[in-house]
Amino acid sequence: MFEKYREKKIERDFMGMSKGEFIRLCAMLVMMLIVLIFLFLVLPGYIADAGKPKDFVPTDKAKIAIPEEIPERIEDDDATKKYGKFLNEKLRTGKDIGGGETGGTISSDILPPKPPSPKEPFKENPDIWNKVVDKTESPPLEVQVYIFHMLNSMPAEEIEKRAEAIHLGESYSAITANTKEYRGKFVHIGGRLISLENRTMQDNVSGVTQFWFGRLYRTDDPRTVLFFIFEKDREFEADPYKGDDVEISGVFVMMLEAVYEDKGREKRMVEPFIIARRIRHIPPAPMFTSPSWIVLFALAGTLLAVILLLVIKGKRELKESEQFLSNIRAKLLEAAKSKAKKSEEQPTEQKPAESNEASPQQQQTSPPPCSCCSQPQKPQETEEPPKTDAQKDSKNETEHKE
């Protein structure tokens, strides 16, 4: 009778949880896993793509201006003036900066492990910097040879140590605003390698006859930098999107005007130009220590805290609702028991049974209807019982007296 008021026992066979609670927890964990996968696998790709250089068009239509002739050797001043724009020349292989016609990575020839030694001791010449003019397409060949000679006469470790004082990226605005003050000073810069092209030059006092012309941009601040280097210890992958992270330390020369072709039109860009000795590969930061990973961890921690808070709150509300329903069931059960007890204590009143036989008067006044018709039946004459002899004698005497 009271089964519907009794509290139903909840089976908690899933680590102390009911089946419904276990399913809800699993659903929350799956959602959290999906969010974490998005944060750690999908979002970093968007963050990396956001650092792409805005002014760089990685298509086969973005080309460097090509001179009419490509010199094999430059031997006199007239040739220097004539081919002063060779900095922007196209590779003899037909490949352009950023992949060019092949659409892939520019491969570089392997430089000998050790650059050749200078043929003559280096002599400092401060007046050489007066020959550099900003916003031109190439520094004079004499300046290039002078800087190659200076860097080839110094150990790479010393160059890197002297370049620690000025970071080109952090001092970008100051350098571009006052190039004369920073010209000839040692600087260092790091970023993603966009292109790296092999170049050659005539035999000269610096001992450098083979070098590379490269371009990189900073991932945290997409500004491109052009550079010359003549020493590397490995092959590098140069690509606008997946290039190696590199660092160079060298001498700031000028703000160089590079000429490109973009959608059939000539495009000019003014970019810092550095001549360095060595290009160094920057190994990837240990996992989970880079700023982007720290931000993602913070977001994931916040999300996890919110989910745990919701789980705890849900369990608390579930417990309170179960307690509330338990109290209601107990009250209903108590009321039902009390009502049943009162009904048992009251005496039962038995009503007199009604006689099925009707009295003679009732039969005479309202005879029951006939079963065959709705007309009432006539009252039947009742037969008197036979009289005894005494009754007969008494009757005769009465009549005689009368």
Foldseek 3Di string as FASTA:
>chain_A
DLVVLADDDADQPPVRHGPVLVVVVVVLVVVLVVVLCCQPPVVVLVLLVVLFAPPDDLDLQKFFDADPDDDPADDDPVSQVVCVLVLRHDDPVQAGFQGHPNSFWDWDDAAPQAFDAFQDQQDDDVCQLVQADAAANHGGPVVVLNQLLVQSNDDQVVLVVQQPVAECVVCVVVCVVCVVVQAFGKHKYKFFWAHKAKDAYDDDRSSQGIWIWTKGAHSVHGAIEIEIERHEDDIWTHHSRDTFIKMFIFGWRHFHWTWIGDPNDIDIDTHTYGYGYYIGTDDDDPPCPDPSSVVSVVVSVVSVVVSVVVSVVVVVVVVVVSVVSNVVSVVVSVVVVVVVVVVVPDDDDDDDDDDPDDDPVCCQVFNDADPVDRDHDHDDDDDDDDDDPVVVVVVVVVVVVD
